[in-house]
Amino acid sequence: MLVSAYVVLFLPIAVGAIRASLLQVSPSLEEASRALGHGPVVTWWRVVLPLVRPGLLAGFALSFLTAMKELPATLLLAPTGYATLATEVWGAAGAVFFARAAAPALALVLLSSLPLALLTLRER
């Protein structure tokens, strides 16, 4: 149930980024590839995918970052005893065990910064 909730929550974020990058691909590029004798799969692989790749990466990064900090759905739908980084930080901070919350909070920040760092380096 938790996975279904995550899909419902985060799929629109990814689809929005991917849709925006797909709309920027000119149909004439696909038509030119098809006119040169390439099939639809080869056209998609050689023309469309390289142009859409930044949008795919952005959609993945946005979804990942949002999922990392998701707390309400996890608290409501996760099985008993199931812990994520966000729930560990929330539980420890709620019980005023800030030292116990520090390690999961640091892991959350480090894991969340990886996609952002990759996207930033990729833009250069």
PDB file of N, CA and C in Angstrom:
ATOM      1  N   MET A   1       0.827  -1.180   0.000  1.00  0.00           N
ATOM      2  CA  MET A   1       0.000   0.000   0.000  1.00  0.00           C
ATOM      3  C   MET A   1       0.883   1.260   0.000  1.00  0.00           C
ATOM      4  N   LEU A   2       2.000   1.190   0.721  1.00  0.00           N
ATOM      5  CA  LEU A   2       2.899   2.339   0.786  1.00  0.00           C
ATOM      6  C   LEU A   2       3.507   2.631  -0.585  1.00  0.00           C
ATOM      7  N   VAL A   3       3.880   1.594  -1.293  1.00  0.00           N
ATOM      8  CA  VAL A   3       4.451   1.787  -2.630  1.00  0.00           C
ATOM      9  C   VAL A   3       3.411   2.413  -3.556  1.00  0.00           C
ATOM     10  N   SER A   4       2.168   1.960  -3.471  1.00  0.00           N
ATOM     11  CA  SER A   4       1.096   2.550  -4.286  1.00  0.00           C
ATOM     12  C   SER A   4       0.902   4.027  -3.953  1.00  0.00           C
ATOM     13  N   ALA A   5       0.959   4.355  -2.685  1.00  0.00           N
ATOM     14  CA  ALA A   5       0.815   5.758  -2.275  1.00  0.00           C
ATOM     15  C   ALA A   5       1.976   6.586  -2.815  1.00  0.00           C
ATOM     16  N   TYR A   6       3.188   6.048  -2.751  1.00  0.00           N
ATOM     17  CA  TYR A   6       4.342   6.771  -3.291  1.00  0.00           C
ATOM     18  C   TYR A   6       4.199   6.999  -4.785  1.00  0.00           C
ATOM     19  N   VAL A   7       3.710   5.996  -5.510  1.00  0.00           N
ATOM     20  CA  VAL A   7       3.517   6.150  -6.958  1.00  0.00           C
ATOM     21  C   VAL A   7       2.504   7.246  -7.236  1.00  0.00           C
ATOM     22  N   VAL A   8       1.397   7.239  -6.515  1.00  0.00           N
ATOM     23  CA  VAL A   8       0.363   8.259  -6.715  1.00  0.00           C
ATOM     24  C   VAL A   8       0.889   9.652  -6.364  1.00  0.00           C
ATOM     25  N   LEU A   9       1.697   9.741  -5.330  1.00  0.00           N
ATOM     26  CA  LEU A   9       2.205  11.042  -4.898  1.00  0.00           C
ATOM     27  C   LEU A   9       3.308  11.589  -5.806  1.00  0.00           C
ATOM     28  N   PHE A  10       4.198  10.727  -6.261  1.00  0.00           N
ATOM     29  CA  PHE A  10       5.408  11.218  -6.914  1.00  0.00           C
ATOM     30  C   PHE A  10       5.434  11.031  -8.428  1.00  0.00           C
ATOM     31  N   LEU A  11       4.553  10.221  -8.983  1.00  0.00           N
ATOM     32  CA  LEU A  11       4.514  10.053 -10.430  1.00  0.00           C
ATOM     33  C   LEU A  11       4.184  11.362 -11.166  1.00  0.00           C
ATOM     34  N   PRO A  12       3.242  12.170 -10.682  1.00  0.00           N
ATOM     35  CA  PRO A  12       2.976  13.438 -11.378  1.00  0.00           C
ATOM     36  C   PRO A  12       4.189  14.362 -11.440  1.00  0.00           C
ATOM     37  N   ILE A  13       5.038  14.326 -10.437  1.00  0.00           N
ATOM     38  CA  ILE A  13       6.241  15.160 -10.451  1.00  0.00           C
ATOM     39  C   ILE A  13       7.159  14.718 -11.574  1.00  0.00           C
ATOM     40  N   ALA A  14       7.385  13.419 -11.673  1.00  0.00           N
ATOM     41  CA  ALA A  14       8.267  12.894 -12.718  1.00  0.00           C
ATOM     42  C   ALA A  14       7.658  13.096 -14.099  1.00  0.00           C
ATOM     43  N   VAL A  15       6.375  12.845 -14.235  1.00  0.00           N
ATOM     44  CA  VAL A  15       5.713  12.987 -15.532  1.00  0.00           C
ATOM     45  C   VAL A  15       5.747  14.443 -15.999  1.00  0.00           C
ATOM     46  N   GLY A  16       5.600  15.369 -15.086  1.00  0.00           N
ATOM     47  CA  GLY A  16       5.654  16.786 -15.464  1.00  0.00           C
ATOM     48  C   GLY A  16       7.004  17.173 -16.041  1.00  0.00           C
ATOM     49  N   ALA A  17       8.077  16.731 -15.408  1.00  0.00           N
ATOM     50  CA  ALA A  17       9.415  17.056 -15.915  1.00  0.00           C
ATOM     51  C   ALA A  17       9.679  16.368 -17.248  1.00  0.00           C
ATOM     52  N   ILE A  18       9.267  15.114 -17.366  1.00  0.00           N
ATOM     53  CA  ILE A  18       9.489  14.386 -18.616  1.00  0.00           C
ATOM     54  C   ILE A  18       8.636  14.956 -19.732  1.00  0.00           C
ATOM     55  N   ARG A  19       7.407  15.310 -19.426  1.00  0.00           N
ATOM     56  CA  ARG A  19       6.507  15.891 -20.442  1.00  0.00           C
ATOM     57  C   ARG A  19       7.060  17.212 -20.961  1.00  0.00           C
ATOM     58  N   ALA A  20       7.587  18.020 -20.056  1.00  0.00           N
ATOM     59  CA  ALA A  20       8.158  19.300 -20.478  1.00  0.00           C
ATOM     60  C   ALA A  20       9.333  19.105 -21.425  1.00  0.00           C
ATOM     61  N   SER A  21      10.169  18.122 -21.162  1.00  0.00           N
ATOM     62  CA  SER A  21      11.311  17.905 -22.054  1.00  0.00           C
ATOM     63  C   SER A  21      10.861  17.262 -23.362  1.00  0.00           C
ATOM     64  N   LEU A  22       9.827  16.411 -23.329  1.00  0.00           N
ATOM     65  CA  LEU A  22       9.318  15.821 -24.576  1.00  0.00           C
ATOM     66  C   LEU A  22       8.688  16.881 -25.485  1.00  0.00           C
ATOM     67  N   LEU A  23       8.030  17.854 -24.883  1.00  0.00           N
ATOM     68  CA  LEU A  23       7.405  18.906 -25.691  1.00  0.00           C
ATOM     69  C   LEU A  23       8.434  19.798 -26.386  1.00  0.00           C
ATOM     70  N   GLN A  24       9.665  19.789 -25.894  1.00  0.00           N
ATOM     71  CA  GLN A  24      10.713  20.598 -26.510  1.00  0.00           C
ATOM     72  C   GLN A  24      11.386  19.905 -27.684  1.00  0.00           C
ATOM     73  N   VAL A  25      11.143  18.610 -27.867  1.00  0.00           N
ATOM     74  CA  VAL A  25      11.719  17.879 -28.997  1.00  0.00           C
ATOM     75  C   VAL A  25      10.887  18.197 -30.233  1.00  0.00           C
ATOM     76  N   SER A  26      11.549  18.700 -31.235  1.00  0.00           N
ATOM     77  CA  SER A  26      10.860  19.069 -32.468  1.00  0.00           C
ATOM     78  C   SER A  26      10.460  17.817 -33.249  1.00  0.00           C
ATOM     79  N   PRO A  27       9.217  17.751 -33.699  1.00  0.00           N
ATOM     80  CA  PRO A  27       8.794  16.601 -34.495  1.00  0.00           C
ATOM     81  C   PRO A  27       9.590  16.459 -35.793  1.00  0.00           C
ATOM     82  N   SER A  28      10.133  17.568 -36.290  1.00  0.00           N
ATOM     83  CA  SER A  28      10.902  17.490 -37.538  1.00  0.00           C
ATOM     84  C   SER A  28      12.171  16.655 -37.366  1.00  0.00           C
ATOM     85  N   LEU A  29      12.721  16.594 -36.150  1.00  0.00           N
ATOM     86  CA  LEU A  29      13.893  15.753 -35.909  1.00  0.00           C
ATOM     87  C   LEU A  29      13.536  14.276 -36.034  1.00  0.00           C
ATOM     88  N   GLU A  30      12.393  13.905 -35.504  1.00  0.00           N
ATOM     89  CA  GLU A  30      11.940  12.521 -35.644  1.00  0.00           C
ATOM     90  C   GLU A  30      11.612  12.207 -37.109  1.00  0.00           C
ATOM     91  N   GLU A  31      10.973  13.148 -37.774  1.00  0.00           N
ATOM     92  CA  GLU A  31      10.634  12.939 -39.180  1.00  0.00           C
ATOM     93  C   GLU A  31      11.894  12.794 -40.030  1.00  0.00           C
ATOM     94  N   ALA A  32      12.924  13.573 -39.722  1.00  0.00           N
ATOM     95  CA  ALA A  32      14.171  13.468 -40.475  1.00  0.00           C
ATOM     96  C   ALA A  32      14.811  12.104 -40.262  1.00  0.00           C
ATOM     97  N   SER A  33      14.793  11.612 -39.056  1.00  0.00           N
ATOM     98  CA  SER A  33      15.345  10.292 -38.781  1.00  0.00           C
ATOM     99  C   SER A  33      14.566   9.204 -39.508  1.00  0.00           C
ATOM    100  N   ARG A  34      13.261   9.325 -39.494  1.00  0.00           N
ATOM    101  CA  ARG A  34      12.424   8.342 -40.195  1.00  0.00           C
ATOM    102  C   ARG A  34      12.638   8.430 -41.699  1.00  0.00           C
ATOM    103  N   ALA A  35      12.843   9.647 -42.229  1.00  0.00           N
ATOM    104  CA  ALA A  35      13.086   9.815 -43.662  1.00  0.00           C
ATOM    105  C   ALA A  35      14.428   9.215 -44.074  1.00  0.00           C
ATOM    106  N   LEU A  36      15.367   9.146 -43.142  1.00  0.00           N
ATOM    107  CA  LEU A  36      16.666   8.543 -43.428  1.00  0.00           C
ATOM    108  C   LEU A  36      16.629   7.016 -43.318  1.00  0.00           C
ATOM    109  N   GLY A  37      15.461   6.465 -43.044  1.00  0.00           N
ATOM    110  CA  GLY A  37      15.302   5.022 -43.063  1.00  0.00           C
ATOM    111  C   GLY A  37      15.349   4.343 -41.711  1.00  0.00           C
ATOM    112  N   HIS A  38      15.401   5.107 -40.644  1.00  0.00           N
ATOM    113  CA  HIS A  38      15.429   4.499 -39.314  1.00  0.00           C
ATOM    114  C   HIS A  38      14.013   4.200 -38.847  1.00  0.00           C
ATOM    115  N   GLY A  39      13.869   3.121 -38.111  1.00  0.00           N
ATOM    116  CA  GLY A  39      12.572   2.741 -37.563  1.00  0.00           C
ATOM    117  C   GLY A  39      12.246   3.564 -36.334  1.00  0.00           C
ATOM    118  N   PRO A  40      11.061   3.341 -35.777  1.00  0.00           N
ATOM    119  CA  PRO A  40      10.650   4.113 -34.612  1.00  0.00           C
ATOM    120  C   PRO A  40      11.516   3.855 -33.380  1.00  0.00           C
ATOM    121  N   VAL A  41      11.966   2.623 -33.189  1.00  0.00           N
ATOM    122  CA  VAL A  41      12.780   2.313 -32.011  1.00  0.00           C
ATOM    123  C   VAL A  41      14.155   2.968 -32.128  1.00  0.00           C
ATOM    124  N   VAL A  42      14.767   2.874 -33.287  1.00  0.00           N
ATOM    125  CA  VAL A  42      16.085   3.485 -33.500  1.00  0.00           C
ATOM    126  C   VAL A  42      15.975   5.001 -33.416  1.00  0.00           C
ATOM    127  N   THR A  43      14.913   5.560 -33.959  1.00  0.00           N
ATOM    128  CA  THR A  43      14.696   7.008 -33.878  1.00  0.00           C
ATOM    129  C   THR A  43      14.562   7.441 -32.427  1.00  0.00           C
ATOM    130  N   TRP A  44      13.784   6.690 -31.665  1.00  0.00           N
ATOM    131  CA  TRP A  44      13.622   7.046 -30.259  1.00  0.00           C
ATOM    132  C   TRP A  44      14.946   6.931 -29.521  1.00  0.00           C
ATOM    133  N   TRP A  45      15.715   5.874 -29.789  1.00  0.00           N
ATOM    134  CA  TRP A  45      16.969   5.623 -29.078  1.00  0.00           C
ATOM    135  C   TRP A  45      18.048   6.641 -29.424  1.00  0.00           C
ATOM    136  N   ARG A  46      18.155   7.005 -30.715  1.00  0.00           N
ATOM    137  CA  ARG A  46      19.248   7.879 -31.165  1.00  0.00           C
ATOM    138  C   ARG A  46      18.900   9.362 -31.190  1.00  0.00           C
ATOM    139  N   VAL A  47      17.621   9.684 -31.317  1.00  0.00           N
ATOM    140  CA  VAL A  47      17.246  11.102 -31.454  1.00  0.00           C
ATOM    141  C   VAL A  47      16.522  11.613 -30.214  1.00  0.00           C
ATOM    142  N   VAL A  48      15.447  10.939 -29.853  1.00  0.00           N
ATOM    143  CA  VAL A  48      14.587  11.446 -28.782  1.00  0.00           C
ATOM    144  C   VAL A  48      15.230  11.277 -27.406  1.00  0.00           C
ATOM    145  N   LEU A  49      15.761  10.094 -27.121  1.00  0.00           N
ATOM    146  CA  LEU A  49      16.318   9.842 -25.794  1.00  0.00           C
ATOM    147  C   LEU A  49      17.445  10.804 -25.418  1.00  0.00           C
ATOM    148  N   PRO A  50      18.421  11.065 -26.300  1.00  0.00           N
ATOM    149  CA  PRO A  50      19.450  12.037 -25.891  1.00  0.00           C
ATOM    150  C   PRO A  50      18.898  13.439 -25.621  1.00  0.00           C
ATOM    151  N   LEU A  51      17.838  13.817 -26.317  1.00  0.00           N
ATOM    152  CA  LEU A  51      17.252  15.139 -26.103  1.00  0.00           C
ATOM    153  C   LEU A  51      16.394  15.194 -24.838  1.00  0.00           C
ATOM    154  N   VAL A  52      15.819  14.068 -24.450  1.00  0.00           N
ATOM    155  CA  VAL A  52      14.910  14.010 -23.309  1.00  0.00           C
ATOM    156  C   VAL A  52      15.652  13.640 -22.027  1.00  0.00           C
ATOM    157  N   ARG A  53      16.874  13.139 -22.138  1.00  0.00           N
ATOM    158  CA  ARG A  53      17.613  12.658 -20.970  1.00  0.00           C
ATOM    159  C   ARG A  53      17.688  13.671 -19.825  1.00  0.00           C
ATOM    160  N   PRO A  54      17.949  14.962 -20.071  1.00  0.00           N
ATOM    161  CA  PRO A  54      17.957  15.901 -18.934  1.00  0.00           C
ATOM    162  C   PRO A  54      16.614  15.967 -18.204  1.00  0.00           C
ATOM    163  N   GLY A  55      15.515  15.888 -18.936  1.00  0.00           N
ATOM    164  CA  GLY A  55      14.199  15.887 -18.299  1.00  0.00           C
ATOM    165  C   GLY A  55      13.947  14.616 -17.505  1.00  0.00           C
ATOM    166  N   LEU A  56      14.440  13.479 -18.022  1.00  0.00           N
ATOM    167  CA  LEU A  56      14.320  12.232 -17.281  1.00  0.00           C
ATOM    168  C   LEU A  56      15.092  12.298 -15.972  1.00  0.00           C
ATOM    169  N   LEU A  57      16.305  12.810 -16.042  1.00  0.00           N
ATOM    170  CA  LEU A  57      17.118  12.940 -14.831  1.00  0.00           C
ATOM    171  C   LEU A  57      16.498  13.922 -13.840  1.00  0.00           C
ATOM    172  N   ALA A  58      15.973  15.020 -14.357  1.00  0.00           N
ATOM    173  CA  ALA A  58      15.330  15.999 -13.475  1.00  0.00           C
ATOM    174  C   ALA A  58      14.088  15.403 -12.820  1.00  0.00           C
ATOM    175  N   GLY A  59      13.292  14.666 -13.585  1.00  0.00           N
ATOM    176  CA  GLY A  59      12.109  14.022 -13.023  1.00  0.00           C
ATOM    177  C   GLY A  59      12.468  13.012 -11.953  1.00  0.00           C
ATOM    178  N   PHE A  60      13.522  12.226 -12.212  1.00  0.00           N
ATOM    179  CA  PHE A  60      13.972  11.265 -11.208  1.00  0.00           C
ATOM    180  C   PHE A  60      14.467  11.983  -9.954  1.00  0.00           C
ATOM    181  N   ALA A  61      15.266  13.016 -10.146  1.00  0.00           N
ATOM    182  CA  ALA A  61      15.826  13.740  -8.998  1.00  0.00           C
ATOM    183  C   ALA A  61      14.726  14.404  -8.170  1.00  0.00           C
ATOM    184  N   LEU A  62      13.771  15.030  -8.834  1.00  0.00           N
ATOM    185  CA  LEU A  62      12.673  15.673  -8.101  1.00  0.00           C
ATOM    186  C   LEU A  62      11.844  14.655  -7.330  1.00  0.00           C
ATOM    187  N   SER A  63      11.543  13.535  -7.965  1.00  0.00           N
ATOM    188  CA  SER A  63      10.771  12.495  -7.292  1.00  0.00           C
ATOM    189  C   SER A  63      11.545  11.905  -6.123  1.00  0.00           C
ATOM    190  N   PHE A  64      12.833  11.671  -6.323  1.00  0.00           N
ATOM    191  CA  PHE A  64      13.661  11.101  -5.275  1.00  0.00           C
ATOM    192  C   PHE A  64      13.757  12.047  -4.085  1.00  0.00           C
ATOM    193  N   LEU A  65      14.001  13.321  -4.356  1.00  0.00           N
ATOM    194  CA  LEU A  65      14.116  14.289  -3.266  1.00  0.00           C
ATOM    195  C   LEU A  65      12.807  14.428  -2.498  1.00  0.00           C
ATOM    196  N   THR A  66      11.703  14.416  -3.197  1.00  0.00           N
ATOM    197  CA  THR A  66      10.408  14.521  -2.535  1.00  0.00           C
ATOM    198  C   THR A  66      10.110  13.258  -1.729  1.00  0.00           C
ATOM    199  N   ALA A  67      10.470  12.099  -2.262  1.00  0.00           N
ATOM    200  CA  ALA A  67      10.235  10.843  -1.551  1.00  0.00           C
ATOM    201  C   ALA A  67      11.102  10.740  -0.302  1.00  0.00           C
ATOM    202  N   MET A  68      12.309  11.300  -0.355  1.00  0.00           N
ATOM    203  CA  MET A  68      13.200  11.216   0.793  1.00  0.00           C
ATOM    204  C   MET A  68      12.633  11.948   2.011  1.00  0.00           C
ATOM    205  N   LYS A  69      11.915  13.006   1.768  1.00  0.00           N
ATOM    206  CA  LYS A  69      11.411  13.784   2.895  1.00  0.00           C
ATOM    207  C   LYS A  69       9.928  13.530   3.181  1.00  0.00           C
ATOM    208  N   GLU A  70       9.335  12.568   2.483  1.00  0.00           N
ATOM    209  CA  GLU A  70       7.920  12.262   2.683  1.00  0.00           C
ATOM    210  C   GLU A  70       7.703  11.638   4.052  1.00  0.00           C
ATOM    211  N   LEU A  71       6.841  12.231   4.825  1.00  0.00           N
ATOM    212  CA  LEU A  71       6.577  11.721   6.171  1.00  0.00           C
ATOM    213  C   LEU A  71       5.116  11.314   6.381  1.00  0.00           C
ATOM    214  N   PRO A  72       4.129  12.124   6.006  1.00  0.00           N
ATOM    215  CA  PRO A  72       2.745  11.760   6.340  1.00  0.00           C
ATOM    216  C   PRO A  72       2.290  10.422   5.769  1.00  0.00           C
ATOM    217  N   ALA A  73       2.541  10.181   4.492  1.00  0.00           N
ATOM    218  CA  ALA A  73       2.105   8.909   3.900  1.00  0.00           C
ATOM    219  C   ALA A  73       2.842   7.741   4.533  1.00  0.00           C
ATOM    220  N   THR A  74       4.110   7.933   4.840  1.00  0.00           N
ATOM    221  CA  THR A  74       4.877   6.856   5.459  1.00  0.00           C
ATOM    222  C   THR A  74       4.355   6.551   6.852  1.00  0.00           C
ATOM    223  N   LEU A  75       4.051   7.578   7.620  1.00  0.00           N
ATOM    224  CA  LEU A  75       3.527   7.353   8.969  1.00  0.00           C
ATOM    225  C   LEU A  75       2.155   6.680   8.943  1.00  0.00           C
ATOM    226  N   LEU A  76       1.331   7.033   7.976  1.00  0.00           N
ATOM    227  CA  LEU A  76      -0.024   6.485   7.923  1.00  0.00           C
ATOM    228  C   LEU A  76      -0.078   5.076   7.337  1.00  0.00           C
ATOM    229  N   LEU A  77       0.766   4.798   6.346  1.00  0.00           N
ATOM    230  CA  LEU A  77       0.600   3.558   5.587  1.00  0.00           C
ATOM    231  C   LEU A  77       1.691   2.519   5.789  1.00  0.00           C
ATOM    232  N   ALA A  78       2.775   2.871   6.425  1.00  0.00           N
ATOM    233  CA  ALA A  78       3.870   1.913   6.597  1.00  0.00           C
ATOM    234  C   ALA A  78       3.473   0.820   7.584  1.00  0.00           C
ATOM    235  N   PRO A  79       3.961  -0.395   7.346  1.00  0.00           N
ATOM    236  CA  PRO A  79       3.680  -1.471   8.310  1.00  0.00           C
ATOM    237  C   PRO A  79       4.315  -1.172   9.672  1.00  0.00           C
ATOM    238  N   THR A  80       3.805  -1.781  10.693  1.00  0.00           N
ATOM    239  CA  THR A  80       4.342  -1.596  12.039  1.00  0.00           C
ATOM    240  C   THR A  80       5.790  -2.057  12.077  1.00  0.00           C
ATOM    241  N   GLY A  81       6.641  -1.220  12.638  1.00  0.00           N
ATOM    242  CA  GLY A  81       8.056  -1.547  12.725  1.00  0.00           C
ATOM    243  C   GLY A  81       8.859  -1.132  11.504  1.00  0.00           C
ATOM    244  N   TYR A  82       8.209  -0.613  10.483  1.00  0.00           N
ATOM    245  CA  TYR A  82       8.894  -0.172   9.269  1.00  0.00           C
ATOM    246  C   TYR A  82       9.402   1.248   9.499  1.00  0.00           C
ATOM    247  N   ALA A  83      10.694   1.459   9.286  1.00  0.00           N
ATOM    248  CA  ALA A  83      11.271   2.771   9.552  1.00  0.00           C
ATOM    249  C   ALA A  83      12.000   3.291   8.320  1.00  0.00           C
ATOM    250  N   THR A  84      11.807   4.551   8.040  1.00  0.00           N
ATOM    251  CA  THR A  84      12.576   5.237   7.007  1.00  0.00           C
ATOM    252  C   THR A  84      13.424   6.294   7.708  1.00  0.00           C
ATOM    253  N   LEU A  85      14.285   6.936   6.951  1.00  0.00           N
ATOM    254  CA  LEU A  85      15.104   7.986   7.557  1.00  0.00           C
ATOM    255  C   LEU A  85      14.235   9.107   8.120  1.00  0.00           C
ATOM    256  N   ALA A  86      13.222   9.486   7.367  1.00  0.00           N
ATOM    257  CA  ALA A  86      12.352  10.576   7.826  1.00  0.00           C
ATOM    258  C   ALA A  86      11.612  10.191   9.100  1.00  0.00           C
ATOM    259  N   THR A  87      11.129   8.948   9.181  1.00  0.00           N
ATOM    260  CA  THR A  87      10.417   8.545  10.396  1.00  0.00           C
ATOM    261  C   THR A  87      11.363   8.386  11.581  1.00  0.00           C
ATOM    262  N   GLU A  88      12.601   7.976  11.325  1.00  0.00           N
ATOM    263  CA  GLU A  88      13.586   7.884  12.402  1.00  0.00           C
ATOM    264  C   GLU A  88      13.893   9.266  12.980  1.00  0.00           C
ATOM    265  N   VAL A  89      14.107  10.235  12.092  1.00  0.00           N
ATOM    266  CA  VAL A  89      14.390  11.599  12.551  1.00  0.00           C
ATOM    267  C   VAL A  89      13.188  12.153  13.303  1.00  0.00           C
ATOM    268  N   TRP A  90      11.999  11.954  12.768  1.00  0.00           N
ATOM    269  CA  TRP A  90      10.782  12.469  13.389  1.00  0.00           C
ATOM    270  C   TRP A  90      10.558  11.836  14.766  1.00  0.00           C
ATOM    271  N   GLY A  91      10.736  10.526  14.854  1.00  0.00           N
ATOM    272  CA  GLY A  91      10.527   9.843  16.124  1.00  0.00           C
ATOM    273  C   GLY A  91      11.545  10.259  17.180  1.00  0.00           C
ATOM    274  N   ALA A  92      12.818  10.333  16.790  1.00  0.00           N
ATOM    275  CA  ALA A  92      13.855  10.710  17.755  1.00  0.00           C
ATOM    276  C   ALA A  92      13.715  12.166  18.175  1.00  0.00           C
ATOM    277  N   ALA A  93      13.416  13.040  17.241  1.00  0.00           N
ATOM    278  CA  ALA A  93      13.254  14.457  17.591  1.00  0.00           C
ATOM    279  C   ALA A  93      11.997  14.668  18.426  1.00  0.00           C
ATOM    280  N   GLY A  94      10.949  13.907  18.156  1.00  0.00           N
ATOM    281  CA  GLY A  94       9.724  14.012  18.936  1.00  0.00           C
ATOM    282  C   GLY A  94       9.914  13.557  20.365  1.00  0.00           C
ATOM    283  N   ALA A  95      10.828  12.612  20.564  1.00  0.00           N
ATOM    284  CA  ALA A  95      11.126  12.121  21.907  1.00  0.00           C
ATOM    285  C   ALA A  95      12.269  12.912  22.551  1.00  0.00           C
ATOM    286  N   VAL A  96      12.701  13.959  21.894  1.00  0.00           N
ATOM    287  CA  VAL A  96      13.765  14.858  22.359  1.00  0.00           C
ATOM    288  C   VAL A  96      15.099  14.110  22.521  1.00  0.00           C
ATOM    289  N   PHE A  97      15.352  13.150  21.631  1.00  0.00           N
ATOM    290  CA  PHE A  97      16.647  12.478  21.558  1.00  0.00           C
ATOM    291  C   PHE A  97      17.375  13.015  20.335  1.00  0.00           C
ATOM    292  N   PHE A  98      17.857  14.241  20.436  1.00  0.00           N
ATOM    293  CA  PHE A  98      18.461  14.893  19.277  1.00  0.00           C
ATOM    294  C   PHE A  98      19.747  14.212  18.830  1.00  0.00           C
ATOM    295  N   ALA A  99      20.494  13.649  19.757  1.00  0.00           N
ATOM    296  CA  ALA A  99      21.716  12.939  19.380  1.00  0.00           C
ATOM    297  C   ALA A  99      21.376  11.692  18.565  1.00  0.00           C
ATOM    298  N   ARG A 100      20.290  11.016  18.914  1.00  0.00           N
ATOM    299  CA  ARG A 100      19.857   9.833  18.166  1.00  0.00           C
ATOM    300  C   ARG A 100      19.300  10.218  16.801  1.00  0.00           C
ATOM    301  N   ALA A 101      18.779  11.425  16.674  1.00  0.00           N
ATOM    302  CA  ALA A 101      18.233  11.890  15.397  1.00  0.00           C
ATOM    303  C   ALA A 101      19.316  12.414  14.463  1.00  0.00           C
ATOM    304  N   ALA A 102      20.497  12.686  14.995  1.00  0.00           N
ATOM    305  CA  ALA A 102      21.546  13.319  14.186  1.00  0.00           C
ATOM    306  C   ALA A 102      22.029  12.442  13.044  1.00  0.00           C
ATOM    307  N   ALA A 103      22.300  11.176  13.302  1.00  0.00           N
ATOM    308  CA  ALA A 103      22.830  10.290  12.251  1.00  0.00           C
ATOM    309  C   ALA A 103      21.827  10.085  11.114  1.00  0.00           C
ATOM    310  N   PRO A 104      20.559   9.743  11.394  1.00  0.00           N
ATOM    311  CA  PRO A 104      19.611   9.624  10.279  1.00  0.00           C
ATOM    312  C   PRO A 104      19.387  10.957   9.556  1.00  0.00           C
ATOM    313  N   ALA A 105      19.419  12.071  10.294  1.00  0.00           N
ATOM    314  CA  ALA A 105      19.241  13.377   9.644  1.00  0.00           C
ATOM    315  C   ALA A 105      20.404  13.678   8.714  1.00  0.00           C
ATOM    316  N   LEU A 106      21.615  13.365   9.146  1.00  0.00           N
ATOM    317  CA  LEU A 106      22.788  13.562   8.296  1.00  0.00           C
ATOM    318  C   LEU A 106      22.720  12.662   7.073  1.00  0.00           C
ATOM    319  N   ALA A 107      22.323  11.405   7.267  1.00  0.00           N
ATOM    320  CA  ALA A 107      22.177  10.487   6.125  1.00  0.00           C
ATOM    321  C   ALA A 107      21.116  10.999   5.164  1.00  0.00           C
ATOM    322  N   LEU A 108      20.033  11.538   5.679  1.00  0.00           N
ATOM    323  CA  LEU A 108      18.970  12.087   4.844  1.00  0.00           C
ATOM    324  C   LEU A 108      19.477  13.260   4.015  1.00  0.00           C
ATOM    325  N   VAL A 109      20.232  14.142   4.642  1.00  0.00           N
ATOM    326  CA  VAL A 109      20.778  15.298   3.921  1.00  0.00           C
ATOM    327  C   VAL A 109      21.776  14.852   2.864  1.00  0.00           C
ATOM    328  N   LEU A 110      22.658  13.912   3.213  1.00  0.00           N
ATOM    329  CA  LEU A 110      23.659  13.441   2.250  1.00  0.00           C
ATOM    330  C   LEU A 110      23.017  12.712   1.075  1.00  0.00           C
ATOM    331  N   LEU A 111      22.061  11.836   1.357  1.00  0.00           N
ATOM    332  CA  LEU A 111      21.383  11.124   0.275  1.00  0.00           C
ATOM    333  C   LEU A 111      20.566  12.065  -0.606  1.00  0.00           C
ATOM    334  N   SER A 112      19.987  13.085  -0.014  1.00  0.00           N
ATOM    335  CA  SER A 112      19.198  14.046  -0.782  1.00  0.00           C
ATOM    336  C   SER A 112      20.078  14.957  -1.621  1.00  0.00           C
ATOM    337  N   SER A 113      21.301  15.164  -1.187  1.00  0.00           N
ATOM    338  CA  SER A 113      22.171  16.062  -1.943  1.00  0.00           C
ATOM    339  C   SER A 113      22.828  15.391  -3.140  1.00  0.00           C
ATOM    340  N   LEU A 114      22.855  14.061  -3.180  1.00  0.00           N
ATOM    341  CA  LEU A 114      23.480  13.369  -4.311  1.00  0.00           C
ATOM    342  C   LEU A 114      22.818  13.672  -5.661  1.00  0.00           C
ATOM    343  N   PRO A 115      21.484  13.545  -5.790  1.00  0.00           N
ATOM    344  CA  PRO A 115      20.884  13.872  -7.083  1.00  0.00           C
ATOM    345  C   PRO A 115      21.097  15.332  -7.484  1.00  0.00           C
ATOM    346  N   LEU A 116      21.036  16.220  -6.527  1.00  0.00           N
ATOM    347  CA  LEU A 116      21.260  17.632  -6.824  1.00  0.00           C
ATOM    348  C   LEU A 116      22.683  17.860  -7.312  1.00  0.00           C
ATOM    349  N   ALA A 117      23.661  17.218  -6.669  1.00  0.00           N
ATOM    350  CA  ALA A 117      25.056  17.351  -7.098  1.00  0.00           C
ATOM    351  C   ALA A 117      25.250  16.776  -8.491  1.00  0.00           C
ATOM    352  N   LEU A 118      24.634  15.626  -8.766  1.00  0.00           N
ATOM    353  CA  LEU A 118      24.756  15.033 -10.104  1.00  0.00           C
ATOM    354  C   LEU A 118      24.151  15.937 -11.175  1.00  0.00           C
ATOM    355  N   LEU A 119      23.001  16.512 -10.895  1.00  0.00           N
ATOM    356  CA  LEU A 119      22.377  17.407 -11.875  1.00  0.00           C
ATOM    357  C   LEU A 119      23.204  18.669 -12.078  1.00  0.00           C
ATOM    358  N   THR A 120      23.768  19.187 -11.013  1.00  0.00           N
ATOM    359  CA  THR A 120      24.589  20.392 -11.118  1.00  0.00           C
ATOM    360  C   THR A 120      25.850  20.117 -11.924  1.00  0.00           C
ATOM    361  N   LEU A 121      26.501  19.004 -11.649  1.00  0.00           N
ATOM    362  CA  LEU A 121      27.713  18.647 -12.398  1.00  0.00           C
ATOM    363  C   LEU A 121      27.413  18.354 -13.848  1.00  0.00           C
ATOM    364  N   ARG A 122      26.243  17.758 -14.103  1.00  0.00           N
ATOM    365  CA  ARG A 122      25.849  17.413 -15.477  1.00  0.00           C
ATOM    366  C   ARG A 122      25.614  18.677 -16.304  1.00  0.00           C
ATOM    367  N   GLU A 123      25.093  19.723 -15.695  1.00  0.00           N
ATOM    368  CA  GLU A 123      24.827  20.961 -16.424  1.00  0.00           C
ATOM    369  C   GLU A 123      26.111  21.643 -16.884  1.00  0.00           C
ATOM    370  N   ARG A 124      27.191  21.442 -16.156  1.00  0.00           N
ATOM    371  CA  ARG A 124      28.460  22.044 -16.539  1.00  0.00           C
ATOM    372  C   ARG A 124      28.992  21.359 -17.744  1.00  0.00           C
TER     373      ARG A 124
END
